[in-house]
Amino acid sequence: MRKLGLDLGERRIGIALSDPLGIQATPYAIIENKNPEELKGYIEGLIEKEGVDTVVVGMPLRLRGGEGRQAQWARRYAEEIRSIEGLEVVLWDERLTTREALRRLREGGGISRKVMKKSDSAAAAVLLQSYLDSRASSGDSGDLKDGKNKSEKKI
């Protein structure tokens, strides 16, 4: 089954998808921001179309690890998605994923307006790859519990 990564933004949501073995994450799509119920409907369609069993939601923590307004907003989206039966939803530290995605895109040929738009799905891919790598090395789902990922990526 595939894993889906979400980089929630105020204007757009970046989406990444893993390969069926859960080894490699790739950018999948960028959608206009939707309310939690609309996003849930979109994800239900991806579950059917792509065989998704886990959604990794980026948690925009502050650099020191605390939660701000955006983290609470991401939790609301995650709670709505959790209502999908049979789907695992994981909150994952997304600090600096957009910066890393932009660095990778720059290395691939510079930053243009078109490339900047791709940064949302690229950030989702960085986020999802971090989750996949952590699972591979620890055998753990790594969900944020009590402010910490159980895997190597401690918060």
Protein backbone atom coordinates (compact mmCIF):
# COMPACT_ATOMS: atom_id res chain seq x y z
CA MET A 1 0.00 0.00 0.00
CA ARG A 2 1.07 3.56 -0.69
CA LYS A 3 1.68 6.42 1.73
CA LEU A 4 0.48 9.96 1.07
CA GLY A 5 2.24 13.10 2.34
CA LEU A 6 0.47 16.44 2.84
CA ASP A 7 2.18 19.80 3.13
CA LEU A 8 -0.67 22.07 4.22
CA GLY A 9 -0.36 25.70 3.20
CA GLU A 10 -2.67 28.65 3.49
CA ARG A 11 -3.16 28.84 -0.29
CA ARG A 12 -2.10 25.43 -1.59
CA ILE A 13 -1.67 21.87 -0.37
CA GLY A 14 1.32 19.93 -1.64
CA ILE A 15 0.77 16.22 -2.08
CA ALA A 16 3.36 13.47 -2.40
CA LEU A 17 2.87 9.76 -2.93
CA SER A 18 5.12 6.82 -2.16
CA ASP A 19 5.78 3.86 -4.40
CA PRO A 20 3.76 0.71 -3.49
CA LEU A 21 6.63 -0.63 -1.35
CA GLY A 22 6.84 2.57 0.71
CA ILE A 23 10.48 3.24 -0.18
CA GLN A 24 10.49 6.34 -2.39
CA ALA A 25 8.37 9.50 -2.16
CA THR A 26 7.64 11.61 -5.23
CA PRO A 27 5.71 14.84 -5.73
CA TYR A 28 2.17 14.00 -6.84
CA ALA A 29 -0.01 17.10 -7.04
CA ILE A 30 -0.70 20.61 -5.82
CA ILE A 31 -4.26 21.53 -5.03
CA GLU A 32 -5.83 24.76 -3.90
CA ASN A 33 -6.38 24.77 -0.17
CA LYS A 34 -9.66 23.18 0.77
CA ASN A 35 -11.54 23.09 4.02
CA PRO A 36 -10.96 19.90 6.04
CA GLU A 37 -14.14 18.23 4.78
CA GLU A 38 -13.28 18.88 1.11
CA LEU A 39 -9.75 17.62 1.63
CA LYS A 40 -11.15 14.48 3.24
CA GLY A 41 -13.23 13.86 0.10
CA TYR A 42 -10.18 14.38 -2.12
CA ILE A 43 -8.16 11.91 -0.03
CA GLU A 44 -10.95 9.35 -0.16
CA GLY A 45 -10.66 9.49 -3.95
CA LEU A 46 -6.89 8.94 -3.75
CA ILE A 47 -7.38 5.97 -1.44
CA GLU A 48 -9.53 4.36 -4.11
CA LYS A 49 -7.39 5.42 -7.09
CA GLU A 50 -3.87 4.92 -5.68
CA GLY A 51 -4.29 2.39 -2.87
CA VAL A 52 -3.30 4.70 0.01
CA ASP A 53 -3.32 3.28 3.55
CA THR A 54 -1.46 6.03 5.44
CA VAL A 55 -1.56 9.82 5.30
CA VAL A 56 1.39 11.74 6.74
CA VAL A 57 0.33 15.27 7.65
CA GLY A 58 3.08 17.87 8.02
CA MET A 59 3.11 19.46 11.46
CA PRO A 60 4.44 23.04 11.24
CA LEU A 61 6.21 23.22 14.57
CA ARG A 62 8.26 26.21 15.64
CA LEU A 63 12.03 25.84 15.40
CA ARG A 64 12.20 25.19 19.16
CA GLY A 65 9.53 22.50 18.83
CA GLY A 66 6.49 24.31 20.21
CA GLU A 67 3.11 24.44 18.54
CA GLY A 68 1.65 27.65 17.22
CA ARG A 69 -1.54 28.58 15.41
CA GLN A 70 -0.55 26.74 12.23
CA ALA A 71 0.14 23.51 14.13
CA GLN A 72 -3.33 23.65 15.68
CA TRP A 73 -4.75 24.25 12.18
CA ALA A 74 -2.88 21.15 10.88
CA ARG A 75 -4.26 19.10 13.78
CA ARG A 76 -7.82 20.06 12.77
CA TYR A 77 -7.16 18.80 9.23
CA ALA A 78 -5.59 15.59 10.59
CA GLU A 79 -8.59 14.94 12.85
CA GLU A 80 -10.99 15.24 9.91
CA ILE A 81 -8.85 12.87 7.83
CA ARG A 82 -8.70 10.39 10.76
CA SER A 83 -12.44 9.88 10.39
CA ILE A 84 -11.79 7.88 7.21
CA GLU A 85 -12.22 4.26 8.20
CA GLY A 86 -9.15 2.03 7.89
CA LEU A 87 -6.75 4.91 7.25
CA GLU A 88 -3.71 5.58 9.42
CA VAL A 89 -2.99 9.29 9.90
CA VAL A 90 0.44 10.36 11.15
CA LEU A 91 1.47 13.85 12.24
CA TRP A 92 5.08 14.44 11.19
CA ASP A 93 7.48 17.28 11.96
CA GLU A 94 7.79 19.37 8.80
CA ARG A 95 10.29 21.96 10.00
CA LEU A 96 12.51 23.15 7.14
CA THR A 97 10.95 20.85 4.51
CA THR A 98 10.06 23.77 2.23
CA ARG A 99 13.59 25.14 2.54
CA GLU A 100 15.02 21.72 1.64
CA ALA A 101 12.61 21.36 -1.29
CA LEU A 102 13.60 24.78 -2.64
CA ARG A 103 17.29 23.88 -2.30
CA ARG A 104 16.71 20.71 -4.32
CA LEU A 105 14.69 22.56 -6.95
CA ARG A 106 17.43 25.22 -7.25
CA GLU A 107 20.00 22.50 -7.82
CA GLY A 108 17.80 21.21 -10.61
CA GLY A 109 17.98 24.42 -12.62
CA GLY A 110 17.09 27.56 -10.75
CA ILE A 111 13.97 29.08 -9.29
CA SER A 112 11.23 30.46 -11.49
CA ARG A 113 7.60 31.21 -10.74
CA LYS A 114 6.70 27.81 -12.19
CA VAL A 115 9.30 26.06 -10.03
CA MET A 116 8.11 27.94 -6.93
CA LYS A 117 4.64 26.47 -7.45
CA LYS A 118 6.19 23.00 -7.55
CA SER A 119 7.80 23.63 -4.16
CA ASP A 120 4.56 22.66 -2.36
CA SER A 121 4.52 19.10 -3.71
CA ALA A 122 8.31 18.90 -3.45
CA ALA A 123 8.06 19.85 0.25
CA ALA A 124 5.42 17.14 0.69
CA ALA A 125 7.85 14.67 -0.91
CA VAL A 126 10.67 15.74 1.46
CA LEU A 127 8.28 15.31 4.40
CA LEU A 128 7.05 11.91 3.23
CA GLN A 129 10.57 10.68 2.44
CA SER A 130 11.67 11.63 5.96
CA TYR A 131 8.81 9.54 7.34
CA LEU A 132 9.56 6.59 5.04
CA ASP A 133 13.28 6.65 5.88
CA SER A 134 12.52 6.75 9.59
CA ARG A 135 10.16 3.79 9.33
CA ALA A 136 12.74 1.81 7.38
CA SER A 137 15.43 2.40 10.00
CA SER A 138 13.30 1.97 13.13
CA GLY A 139 10.34 -0.18 12.13
CA ASP A 140 8.11 2.43 13.78
CA SER A 141 5.20 4.52 12.50
CA GLY A 142 6.75 7.62 14.11
CA ASP A 143 3.51 9.46 14.92
CA LEU A 144 3.79 12.58 17.04
CA LYS A 145 2.90 11.52 20.55
CA ASP A 146 3.32 13.88 23.48
CA GLY A 147 5.22 16.28 21.22
CA LYS A 148 7.70 13.68 20.00
CA ASN A 149 8.01 11.36 17.04
CA LYS A 150 8.69 7.87 18.34
CA SER A 151 11.30 7.38 15.64
CA GLU A 152 14.73 8.95 15.17
CA LYS A 153 13.31 12.34 14.24
CA LYS A 154 12.74 13.56 17.80
CA ILE A 155 10.91 16.76 18.47
